[in-house]
Amino acid sequence: MRRTKIVATMGPATNTPESIEALVRAGVDVVRLNFSHGTLAEHAERAQRVRDAARKVGRTVGILGDLQGPKLRIASFKDGKIKLSPGDKFTLDPEWDEQAGDQTRVGLGYKELADDVAVGDELWLDDGRMVLAVTALEGRVIHTEAVNAGVLSNNKGLNRRGGGLSAPALTEKDREDIKIAAEINVDFLAVSFPRCADDMHLARKLLEAAGGNALMVAKVERAEAVEQPVMDEIILASDVIMVARGDLGVEIGDAKLPLAQKSLIKRSRELNRAVITATQMMETMITNTIPTRAEVFDVANAVLDGTDAVMLSGETAVGKHPARVVEVMAELCEEAERSIVVRHSDHRIEERFVRVDEGIAMATMYAANHMGVRAIAALTESGATPLWMSRISSGIPIYALTPSEEASRRVCVYRGVYPVMQDDLTGSDPKLANRAAVELLIDEGVVDAGDLVIVTKGDLMGIKGHTNQMKVLRVGEHHKG
């Protein structure tokens, strides 16, 4: 079974019930709604179609709402695009008509850019495809010179090489979109360009005030977010980290990106957070039916690094064959997971545990990895215990048995964790609860007579955070308790 999860972005290519069902059947675990585009009605309709398709196929699929963040973009050109050559003079003017860009000048979505740059700085546009060197500042107007040849088209993203842009992570649009996210009950909410932990705390507070309860995803896109102690602070303020390699690569430079990815994945796992690796993983499959060898290695390396999930963007949003991309990515993940590297872990081996449920999770994985256990059944209300278990590298499947649909969708992003809906066993005799858990695994076709299974649960089932029991059972003998 594939342990690494797949996140797929919705778009024009995946807008119909048929295309969404095809994605779910292909193996997508979480779908991403990009709040940079679309209305409340459109997002709500997509979310409902995803849930309908998952119900029809018999799978659990989570929904991630992705906030646009600060509009670090140029405006539009009257002819749609221009072509620049090295040495061409070009002006960024926040007061210019947003639809009237031409060969020499264009408007700016980020009006305060002049406050953050100085002569000699490099501005990278369209993920670095176009580089402009700042030559002069005239009030809010920025004069530049093209460093390379390239095409510049409408609304392309903009970064300062080295980071340091002061734009707040949450715009007024984001604050309204958080209300939309709460209304359609997304399972994950991604915050773009967080500068510090306070950005994540504010987003969580706004979501809770709107009635939402999603897990918070920090998209690491700024240079300062990969420096300590800011990195740890952002990770701890979040539930999930996204290694957003597009903007991050522009800010820190592509040469530093691989080590930044490895560091973020490693540190997120050490701090008991899930992590998604994103951007251009299978980019050529937007048009092609097979990936490049470089893309094959990229996906495999992310799996070997320990990422919980890999994400598709344009490949499924606007690509020619989105379901096929998911199938190929799933196959690549499964092959990479055959490596012994992804089954070995010394995670927190020297650390003390503060919480009882965390200690139970760690003890479960130690026992499972040393006893030949076939599967783990974690009776859970919140999904916390399966998360802690999944931080330990292993080839043993972890089944999150829960009566909570919310918890079942949350664990969709955790590596090696599989959600299974189970009736609420609150008040049940412990022996009956054990039996129900094992019989459910038998029904799922996971275990056979004679297999070892570990069941974890709490004395007070039905209450979050009270897992305090670990039981080792042999299938066929579980009726004895």
Protein backbone atom coordinates (compact mmCIF):
# COMPACT_ATOMS: atom_id res chain seq x y z
CA MET A 1 0.00 0.00 0.00
CA ARG A 2 1.20 3.49 -0.83
CA ARG A 3 2.16 5.39 2.33
CA THR A 4 3.00 8.80 0.84
CA LYS A 5 -0.11 10.88 0.22
CA ILE A 6 -0.97 12.82 -2.95
CA VAL A 7 -2.45 16.33 -3.00
CA ALA A 8 -3.99 17.49 -6.29
CA THR A 9 -5.02 21.03 -7.24
CA MET A 10 -8.49 21.62 -8.68
CA GLY A 11 -8.89 23.75 -11.80
CA PRO A 12 -10.50 23.85 -15.25
CA ALA A 13 -9.16 20.36 -16.04
CA THR A 14 -10.82 18.91 -12.94
CA ASN A 15 -14.05 20.83 -12.74
CA THR A 16 -16.62 18.19 -13.67
CA PRO A 17 -18.00 15.37 -11.51
CA GLU A 18 -16.48 12.86 -13.96
CA SER A 19 -12.96 14.33 -13.82
CA ILE A 20 -13.07 14.60 -10.02
CA GLU A 21 -14.24 11.00 -9.69
CA ALA A 22 -11.38 9.93 -11.98
CA LEU A 23 -8.90 11.72 -9.67
CA VAL A 24 -10.32 10.01 -6.59
CA ARG A 25 -10.20 6.59 -8.27
CA ALA A 26 -6.61 7.28 -9.34
CA GLY A 27 -5.67 7.68 -5.67
CA VAL A 28 -5.74 11.34 -4.71
CA ASP A 29 -5.84 11.80 -0.92
CA VAL A 30 -6.34 15.57 -0.58
CA VAL A 31 -7.63 18.12 -3.09
CA ARG A 32 -6.46 21.73 -3.09
CA LEU A 33 -8.83 24.63 -3.74
CA ASN A 34 -6.80 27.64 -4.88
CA PHE A 35 -8.49 30.73 -3.40
CA SER A 36 -6.53 32.94 -5.80
CA HIS A 37 -9.28 32.10 -8.29
CA GLY A 38 -13.00 31.53 -8.03
CA THR A 39 -16.00 32.55 -5.93
CA LEU A 40 -17.61 31.14 -2.80
CA ALA A 41 -20.21 29.35 -4.93
CA GLU A 42 -17.53 27.79 -7.16
CA HIS A 43 -15.41 26.61 -4.23
CA ALA A 44 -18.47 25.24 -2.42
CA GLU A 45 -19.58 23.37 -5.54
CA ARG A 46 -16.11 21.85 -6.05
CA ALA A 47 -15.91 20.80 -2.40
CA GLN A 48 -19.29 19.11 -2.62
CA ARG A 49 -18.33 17.31 -5.84
CA VAL A 50 -15.17 16.02 -4.18
CA ARG A 51 -17.13 14.71 -1.20
CA ASP A 52 -19.75 13.15 -3.44
CA ALA A 53 -17.06 11.42 -5.53
CA ALA A 54 -15.25 10.15 -2.44
CA ARG A 55 -18.50 8.75 -1.06
CA LYS A 56 -19.31 7.07 -4.38
CA VAL A 57 -15.86 5.50 -4.69
CA GLY A 58 -15.71 4.55 -1.01
CA ARG A 59 -12.64 6.58 -0.11
CA THR A 60 -11.92 9.44 2.29
CA VAL A 61 -10.51 12.60 0.70
CA GLY A 62 -9.50 15.79 2.53
CA ILE A 63 -9.99 19.34 1.23
CA LEU A 64 -7.29 22.02 1.48
CA GLY A 65 -8.19 25.69 1.03
CA ASP A 66 -5.15 27.71 -0.10
CA LEU A 67 -5.22 31.45 0.65
CA GLN A 68 -3.82 33.76 -2.02
CA GLY A 69 -1.68 35.81 0.35
CA PRO A 70 -0.13 39.18 -0.52
CA LYS A 71 -0.50 40.03 -4.19
CA LEU A 72 3.19 40.13 -5.04
CA ARG A 73 2.44 40.51 -8.74
CA ILE A 74 2.74 42.90 -11.62
CA ALA A 75 -0.47 44.14 -13.24
CA SER A 76 -1.58 43.52 -16.85
CA PHE A 77 -0.37 44.52 -20.31
CA LYS A 78 -2.71 46.04 -22.86
CA ASP A 79 -1.50 43.47 -25.40
CA GLY A 80 -1.28 40.60 -22.92
CA LYS A 81 2.50 40.29 -22.87
CA ILE A 82 5.82 41.88 -23.86
CA LYS A 83 9.30 40.64 -24.73
CA LEU A 84 12.40 42.08 -23.06
CA SER A 85 16.07 41.77 -24.03
CA PRO A 86 19.13 42.17 -21.77
CA GLY A 87 19.73 45.85 -21.03
CA ASP A 88 16.17 46.98 -21.82
CA LYS A 89 14.89 49.69 -19.48
CA PHE A 90 11.63 48.80 -17.72
CA THR A 91 9.59 50.59 -15.04
CA LEU A 92 7.37 49.22 -12.28
CA ASP A 93 4.81 51.89 -11.41
CA PRO A 94 2.16 51.27 -8.70
CA GLU A 95 0.09 54.22 -9.99
CA TRP A 96 0.00 53.01 -13.58
CA ASP A 97 -3.32 51.82 -15.05
CA GLU A 98 -3.55 48.13 -14.12
CA GLN A 99 -4.64 47.19 -17.65
CA ALA A 100 -2.28 49.47 -19.60
CA GLY A 101 1.17 47.90 -19.30
CA ASP A 102 3.40 48.33 -22.34
CA GLN A 103 6.96 47.74 -23.52
CA THR A 104 8.40 50.19 -21.01
CA ARG A 105 6.11 50.18 -17.96
CA VAL A 106 3.60 48.11 -15.99
CA GLY A 107 1.48 48.53 -12.86
CA LEU A 108 2.02 46.76 -9.55
CA GLY A 109 -0.31 44.78 -7.31
CA TYR A 110 2.05 45.28 -4.36
CA LYS A 111 2.00 49.05 -4.00
CA GLU A 112 4.64 49.20 -1.24
CA LEU A 113 7.38 47.42 -3.19
CA ALA A 114 9.57 50.55 -3.33
CA ASP A 115 9.79 50.53 0.48
CA ASP A 116 11.44 47.11 0.42
CA VAL A 117 14.02 47.41 -2.36
CA ALA A 118 17.21 49.35 -3.05
CA VAL A 119 19.35 50.11 -6.07
CA GLY A 120 21.26 46.99 -7.03
CA ASP A 121 18.55 44.55 -5.87
CA GLU A 122 17.31 41.89 -8.25
CA LEU A 123 13.59 41.32 -8.77
CA TRP A 124 12.67 37.88 -10.04
CA LEU A 125 9.38 37.60 -11.93
CA ASP A 126 7.48 34.52 -13.10
CA ASP A 127 9.52 32.14 -10.87
CA GLY A 128 12.78 33.67 -12.10
CA ARG A 129 12.12 33.40 -15.81
CA MET A 130 12.51 37.19 -16.01
CA VAL A 131 15.08 39.03 -13.86
CA LEU A 132 15.11 42.82 -13.43
CA ALA A 133 17.90 44.77 -11.70
CA VAL A 134 16.80 47.89 -9.77
CA THR A 135 18.65 50.92 -11.17
CA ALA A 136 16.82 53.85 -9.53
CA LEU A 137 13.94 54.71 -7.20
CA GLU A 138 11.71 57.72 -7.83
CA GLY A 139 9.18 57.92 -5.04
CA ARG A 140 7.11 54.74 -5.43
CA VAL A 141 8.26 54.21 -9.00
CA ILE A 142 10.97 51.57 -9.52
CA HIS A 143 13.27 51.83 -12.54
CA THR A 144 14.94 48.60 -13.64
CA GLU A 145 17.03 47.02 -16.36
CA ALA A 146 16.41 43.56 -17.81
CA VAL A 147 19.15 41.09 -16.86
CA ASN A 148 18.03 38.37 -19.26
CA ALA A 149 15.84 37.93 -22.30
CA GLY A 150 12.32 36.75 -21.69
CA VAL A 151 8.58 37.15 -22.09
CA LEU A 152 6.59 38.92 -19.40
CA SER A 153 2.82 38.45 -19.34
CA ASN A 154 -0.14 39.51 -17.21
CA ASN A 155 -0.16 39.18 -13.41
CA LYS A 156 3.12 37.31 -13.04
CA GLY A 157 4.46 36.79 -9.53
CA LEU A 158 7.32 38.92 -8.21
CA ASN A 159 9.99 38.30 -5.55
CA ARG A 160 13.06 40.10 -4.28
CA ARG A 161 16.10 37.85 -4.46
CA GLY A 162 17.14 37.20 -0.89
CA GLY A 163 13.69 37.89 0.56
CA GLY A 164 12.82 40.75 2.87
CA LEU A 165 9.50 41.90 1.39
CA SER A 166 7.40 43.29 4.23
CA ALA A 167 3.95 42.52 2.81
CA PRO A 168 1.68 41.05 5.52
CA ALA A 169 0.78 37.38 5.09
CA LEU A 170 -2.96 37.99 5.44
CA THR A 171 -4.63 40.50 3.13
CA GLU A 172 -8.21 41.72 3.33
CA LYS A 173 -9.11 39.20 0.64
CA ASP A 174 -7.55 36.43 2.74
CA ARG A 175 -9.61 37.47 5.75
CA GLU A 176 -12.79 37.15 3.69
CA ASP A 177 -11.60 33.86 2.18
CA ILE A 178 -11.04 32.46 5.68
CA LYS A 179 -14.78 32.91 6.24
CA ILE A 180 -15.41 31.02 2.98
CA ALA A 181 -13.08 28.25 4.13
CA ALA A 182 -15.02 27.93 7.36
CA GLU A 183 -18.35 27.95 5.53
CA ILE A 184 -17.43 25.09 3.20
CA ASN A 185 -15.69 23.26 6.07
CA VAL A 186 -12.25 22.69 4.57
CA ASP A 187 -10.03 20.24 6.43
CA PHE A 188 -6.79 22.18 5.90
CA LEU A 189 -6.19 25.92 5.49
CA ALA A 190 -2.92 27.04 3.87
CA VAL A 191 -1.46 30.46 4.70
CA SER A 192 0.77 31.95 1.99
CA PHE A 193 4.03 33.78 2.77
CA PRO A 194 3.94 33.60 6.61
CA ARG A 195 6.81 35.65 8.04
CA CYS A 196 6.58 34.42 11.61
CA ALA A 197 4.55 32.34 14.03
CA ASP A 198 2.20 35.28 14.72
CA ASP A 199 0.93 35.10 11.13
CA MET A 200 -0.15 31.49 11.72
CA HIS A 201 -1.66 32.28 15.13
CA LEU A 202 -3.70 35.12 13.60
CA ALA A 203 -4.99 32.95 10.76
CA ARG A 204 -6.03 30.23 13.22
CA LYS A 205 -7.78 32.79 15.42
CA LEU A 206 -9.69 34.23 12.45
CA LEU A 207 -10.69 30.75 11.28
CA GLU A 208 -11.95 29.75 14.72
CA ALA A 209 -13.89 33.02 15.00
CA ALA A 210 -15.57 32.14 11.68
CA GLY A 211 -16.55 28.72 13.02
CA GLY A 212 -13.84 26.71 11.26
CA ASN A 213 -11.64 24.00 12.72
CA ALA A 214 -9.20 23.13 9.93
CA LEU A 215 -5.59 22.14 10.41
CA MET A 216 -3.32 25.10 9.64
CA VAL A 217 -0.79 24.73 6.83
CA ALA A 218 2.19 27.10 6.66
CA LYS A 219 3.46 27.57 3.10
CA VAL A 220 7.18 28.21 3.52
CA GLU A 221 7.93 30.69 0.73
CA ARG A 222 10.07 33.41 2.31
CA ALA A 223 13.83 33.33 2.80
CA GLU A 224 13.49 34.35 6.44
CA ALA A 225 11.16 31.39 7.13
CA VAL A 226 13.97 28.86 6.62
CA GLU A 227 16.31 30.55 9.10
CA GLN A 228 16.40 29.61 12.76
CA PRO A 229 14.72 30.29 15.11
CA VAL A 230 11.92 31.46 12.78
CA MET A 231 11.66 28.05 11.09
CA ASP A 232 10.93 26.22 14.35
CA GLU A 233 8.52 28.91 15.50
CA ILE A 234 6.48 28.67 12.29
CA ILE A 235 6.48 24.86 12.38
CA LEU A 236 5.27 24.79 15.99
CA ALA A 237 2.54 27.35 15.24
CA SER A 238 1.23 25.15 12.43
CA ASP A 239 -0.18 21.65 11.99
CA VAL A 240 1.28 21.04 8.53
CA ILE A 241 4.23 22.58 6.67
CA MET A 242 4.25 23.00 2.89
CA VAL A 243 7.63 23.28 1.20
CA ALA A 244 6.47 25.75 -1.49
CA ARG A 245 9.48 25.47 -3.76
CA GLY A 246 8.47 28.04 -6.38
CA ASP A 247 8.64 31.30 -4.44
CA LEU A 248 11.08 29.85 -1.91
CA GLY A 249 13.50 28.91 -4.67
CA VAL A 250 13.34 32.42 -6.09
CA GLU A 251 14.05 34.02 -2.70
CA ILE A 252 16.90 31.79 -1.53
CA GLY A 253 18.21 30.64 -4.91
CA ASP A 254 17.71 27.25 -6.55
CA ALA A 255 21.11 25.98 -5.40
CA LYS A 256 20.02 26.23 -1.75
CA LEU A 257 16.59 24.75 -2.32
CA PRO A 258 17.37 21.00 -2.00
CA LEU A 259 18.99 21.40 1.41
CA ALA A 260 16.18 23.70 2.54
CA GLN A 261 13.65 21.04 1.53
CA LYS A 262 15.49 18.32 3.43
CA SER A 263 15.85 20.53 6.49
CA LEU A 264 12.16 21.48 6.53
CA ILE A 265 11.02 17.88 6.17
CA LYS A 266 13.38 16.62 8.86
CA ARG A 267 12.57 19.39 11.32
CA SER A 268 8.81 19.14 10.75
CA ARG A 269 8.89 15.42 11.53
CA GLU A 270 11.06 16.01 14.62
CA LEU A 271 8.50 18.52 15.89
CA ASN A 272 5.58 16.15 15.19
CA ARG A 273 4.16 18.06 12.25
CA ALA A 274 3.14 16.75 8.84
CA VAL A 275 4.83 18.12 5.70
CA ILE A 276 3.84 18.51 2.04
CA THR A 277 6.40 18.94 -0.76
CA ALA A 278 5.04 21.08 -3.60
CA THR A 279 5.68 22.85 -6.90
CA GLN A 280 6.70 21.53 -10.33
CA MET A 281 6.99 17.91 -9.22
CA MET A 282 5.58 16.54 -12.50
CA GLU A 283 5.43 19.80 -14.47
CA THR A 284 6.06 18.31 -17.91
CA MET A 285 3.03 16.06 -17.49
CA ILE A 286 0.81 19.11 -17.94
CA THR A 287 1.18 18.21 -21.63
CA ASN A 288 3.16 14.94 -21.72
CA THR A 289 1.99 11.44 -20.83
CA ILE A 290 5.24 10.51 -19.05
CA PRO A 291 7.47 12.45 -16.64
CA THR A 292 11.10 13.34 -17.19
CA ARG A 293 13.78 11.34 -15.40
CA ALA A 294 14.53 14.43 -13.31
CA GLU A 295 10.89 14.52 -12.14
CA VAL A 296 11.03 10.82 -11.30
CA PHE A 297 14.08 11.44 -9.11
CA ASP A 298 12.47 14.54 -7.56
CA VAL A 299 9.38 12.66 -6.38
CA ALA A 300 11.44 9.70 -5.16
CA ASN A 301 13.86 11.94 -3.25
CA ALA A 302 10.98 13.71 -1.48
CA VAL A 303 9.68 10.29 -0.40
CA LEU A 304 13.14 9.23 0.77
CA ASP A 305 13.45 12.52 2.68
CA GLY A 306 10.31 11.57 4.63
CA THR A 307 7.67 13.91 3.23
CA ASP A 308 4.11 13.03 4.20
CA ALA A 309 2.65 14.15 0.89
CA VAL A 310 3.62 15.30 -2.58
CA MET A 311 1.54 17.92 -4.36
CA LEU A 312 0.43 18.48 -7.95
CA SER A 313 -0.46 22.00 -9.13
CA GLY A 314 -0.87 22.80 -12.82
CA GLU A 315 -0.60 19.10 -13.63
CA THR A 316 -4.13 18.48 -12.35
CA ALA A 317 -5.52 22.03 -12.50
CA VAL A 318 -4.95 22.68 -16.21
CA GLY A 319 -3.16 19.56 -17.47
CA LYS A 320 -4.31 17.36 -20.31
CA HIS A 321 -4.61 14.12 -18.30
CA PRO A 322 -4.86 14.82 -14.55
CA ALA A 323 -5.90 11.31 -13.45
CA ARG A 324 -2.96 9.80 -15.31
CA VAL A 325 -0.55 12.12 -13.48
CA VAL A 326 -1.90 10.92 -10.13
CA GLU A 327 -1.49 7.29 -11.20
CA VAL A 328 2.12 7.86 -12.27
CA MET A 329 2.96 9.76 -9.08
CA ALA A 330 1.39 6.99 -6.97
CA GLU A 331 3.54 4.40 -8.72
CA LEU A 332 6.71 6.44 -8.17
CA CYS A 333 5.91 6.84 -4.47
CA GLU A 334 5.29 3.12 -4.01
CA GLU A 335 8.59 2.21 -5.63
CA ALA A 336 10.54 4.71 -3.51
CA GLU A 337 8.88 3.34 -0.37
CA ARG A 338 10.42 -0.07 -1.03
CA SER A 339 13.76 1.34 0.13
CA ILE A 340 14.93 0.25 3.58
CA VAL A 341 15.82 3.91 4.19
CA VAL A 342 12.16 4.88 4.57
CA ARG A 343 11.55 2.10 7.11
CA HIS A 344 14.34 3.00 9.54
CA SER A 345 13.97 5.66 12.21
CA ASP A 346 15.75 6.97 15.29
CA HIS A 347 13.07 9.61 15.79
CA ARG A 348 13.15 11.07 19.31
CA ILE A 349 14.97 8.01 20.64
CA GLU A 350 16.76 10.12 23.28
CA GLU A 351 13.84 12.40 24.21
CA ARG A 352 11.34 12.38 27.05
CA PHE A 353 7.62 12.43 26.34
CA VAL A 354 5.34 14.82 28.19
CA ARG A 355 1.94 13.42 27.21
CA VAL A 356 0.70 9.91 27.96
CA ASP A 357 -0.91 9.51 24.53
CA GLU A 358 2.35 10.53 22.85
CA GLY A 359 4.25 7.96 24.94
CA ILE A 360 1.75 5.26 23.93
CA ALA A 361 2.22 6.19 20.26
CA MET A 362 6.01 5.95 20.50
CA ALA A 363 5.88 2.65 22.43
CA THR A 364 3.48 1.22 19.86
CA MET A 365 5.80 1.94 16.97
CA TYR A 366 8.83 0.56 18.82
CA ALA A 367 7.00 -2.67 19.58
CA ALA A 368 5.52 -2.92 16.10
CA ASN A 369 8.88 -2.47 14.38
CA HIS A 370 10.50 -5.15 16.55
CA MET A 371 7.74 -7.79 16.73
CA GLY A 372 6.67 -8.29 13.14
CA VAL A 373 3.29 -6.64 13.71
CA ARG A 374 1.14 -6.69 10.56
CA ALA A 375 -1.01 -3.62 11.29
CA ILE A 376 -1.83 -1.01 13.92
CA ALA A 377 -5.38 0.00 14.80
CA ALA A 378 -5.53 3.36 16.56
CA LEU A 379 -8.96 4.17 17.98
CA THR A 380 -8.90 7.96 17.83
CA GLU A 381 -11.16 10.97 18.21
CA SER A 382 -8.79 13.68 16.95
CA GLY A 383 -6.16 11.88 14.88
CA ALA A 384 -3.32 12.96 17.19
CA THR A 385 -2.11 9.48 18.12
CA PRO A 386 -1.84 8.32 14.47
CA LEU A 387 0.09 11.52 13.68
CA TRP A 388 2.67 10.78 16.37
CA MET A 389 2.93 7.18 15.20
CA SER A 390 3.47 8.27 11.62
CA ARG A 391 6.54 10.31 12.62
CA ILE A 392 8.34 6.98 13.11
CA SER A 393 9.51 5.61 9.76
CA SER A 394 8.00 2.19 9.21
CA GLY A 395 6.42 -0.07 6.64
CA ILE A 396 3.59 -1.01 8.98
CA PRO A 397 0.17 0.44 8.08
CA ILE A 398 -1.53 2.56 10.74
CA TYR A 399 -5.33 2.50 10.60
CA ALA A 400 -7.07 5.46 12.24
CA LEU A 401 -10.39 4.03 13.43
CA THR A 402 -12.67 6.92 14.24
CA PRO A 403 -16.35 7.84 14.43
CA SER A 404 -15.41 11.39 13.41
CA GLU A 405 -15.58 12.31 9.72
CA GLU A 406 -13.47 15.37 10.52
CA ALA A 407 -10.68 13.26 12.03
CA SER A 408 -10.83 10.76 9.16
CA ARG A 409 -10.23 13.52 6.61
CA ARG A 410 -7.44 15.10 8.67
CA VAL A 411 -5.34 11.94 8.72
CA CYS A 412 -5.49 11.81 4.90
CA VAL A 413 -2.27 13.85 4.80
CA TYR A 414 -0.33 11.74 7.34
CA ARG A 415 2.19 9.34 5.86
CA GLY A 416 1.27 5.68 6.31
CA VAL A 417 -2.05 6.45 8.04
CA TYR A 418 -5.33 5.21 6.56
CA PRO A 419 -8.71 6.46 7.78
CA VAL A 420 -11.47 3.96 8.56
CA MET A 421 -14.86 5.07 9.82
CA GLN A 422 -16.00 3.09 12.87
CA ASP A 423 -19.05 3.34 15.08
CA ASP A 424 -18.58 5.23 18.33
CA LEU A 425 -17.47 2.67 20.94
CA THR A 426 -17.83 5.05 23.90
CA GLY A 427 -18.90 3.03 26.92
CA SER A 428 -18.10 -0.31 25.27
CA ASP A 429 -16.45 -3.13 27.16
CA PRO A 430 -12.67 -2.95 26.40
CA LYS A 431 -12.69 -6.54 25.11
CA LEU A 432 -15.53 -5.70 22.72
CA ALA A 433 -13.65 -2.63 21.49
CA ASN A 434 -10.54 -4.72 20.79
CA ARG A 435 -12.61 -7.31 18.97
CA ALA A 436 -14.38 -4.67 16.90
CA ALA A 437 -11.06 -3.12 15.89
CA VAL A 438 -9.49 -6.41 14.81
CA GLU A 439 -12.63 -7.58 13.00
CA LEU A 440 -12.69 -4.31 11.11
CA LEU A 441 -9.12 -4.94 9.92
CA ILE A 442 -10.13 -8.46 8.87
CA ASP A 443 -13.08 -7.04 6.92
CA GLU A 444 -10.71 -4.56 5.23
CA GLY A 445 -8.56 -7.48 4.08
CA VAL A 446 -5.55 -6.20 6.00
CA VAL A 447 -4.87 -9.11 8.37
CA ASP A 448 -5.38 -12.86 8.50
CA ALA A 449 -5.53 -15.47 11.25
CA GLY A 450 -2.26 -15.66 13.15
CA ASP A 451 -1.13 -12.08 12.35
CA LEU A 452 -0.05 -9.79 15.18
CA VAL A 453 -2.01 -6.54 15.57
CA ILE A 454 -1.57 -3.65 18.01
CA VAL A 455 -4.66 -1.76 19.16
CA THR A 456 -4.40 1.60 20.94
CA LYS A 457 -7.26 3.35 22.69
CA GLY A 458 -8.18 5.26 25.84
CA ASP A 459 -9.97 4.29 29.02
CA LEU A 460 -12.34 7.15 28.33
CA MET A 461 -13.19 6.56 24.69
CA GLY A 462 -14.99 9.45 23.07
CA ILE A 463 -12.70 12.06 24.66
CA LYS A 464 -9.88 13.62 22.65
CA GLY A 465 -6.31 13.21 23.86
CA HIS A 466 -6.87 10.31 26.28
CA THR A 467 -5.16 7.39 24.54
CA ASN A 468 -3.46 5.45 27.34
CA GLN A 469 -3.60 1.78 26.31
CA MET A 470 -1.64 -0.41 23.92
CA LYS A 471 -2.73 -4.01 23.39
CA VAL A 472 -0.85 -6.63 21.34
CA LEU A 473 -3.27 -9.18 19.87
CA ARG A 474 -2.96 -12.20 17.61
CA VAL A 475 -5.73 -12.46 15.06
CA GLY A 476 -7.95 -15.37 15.95
CA GLU A 477 -7.31 -14.93 19.65
CA HIS A 478 -8.71 -11.39 20.02
CA HIS A 479 -11.99 -12.79 21.39
CA LYS A 480 -10.05 -13.49 24.59
CA GLY A 481 -9.50 -9.73 25.11
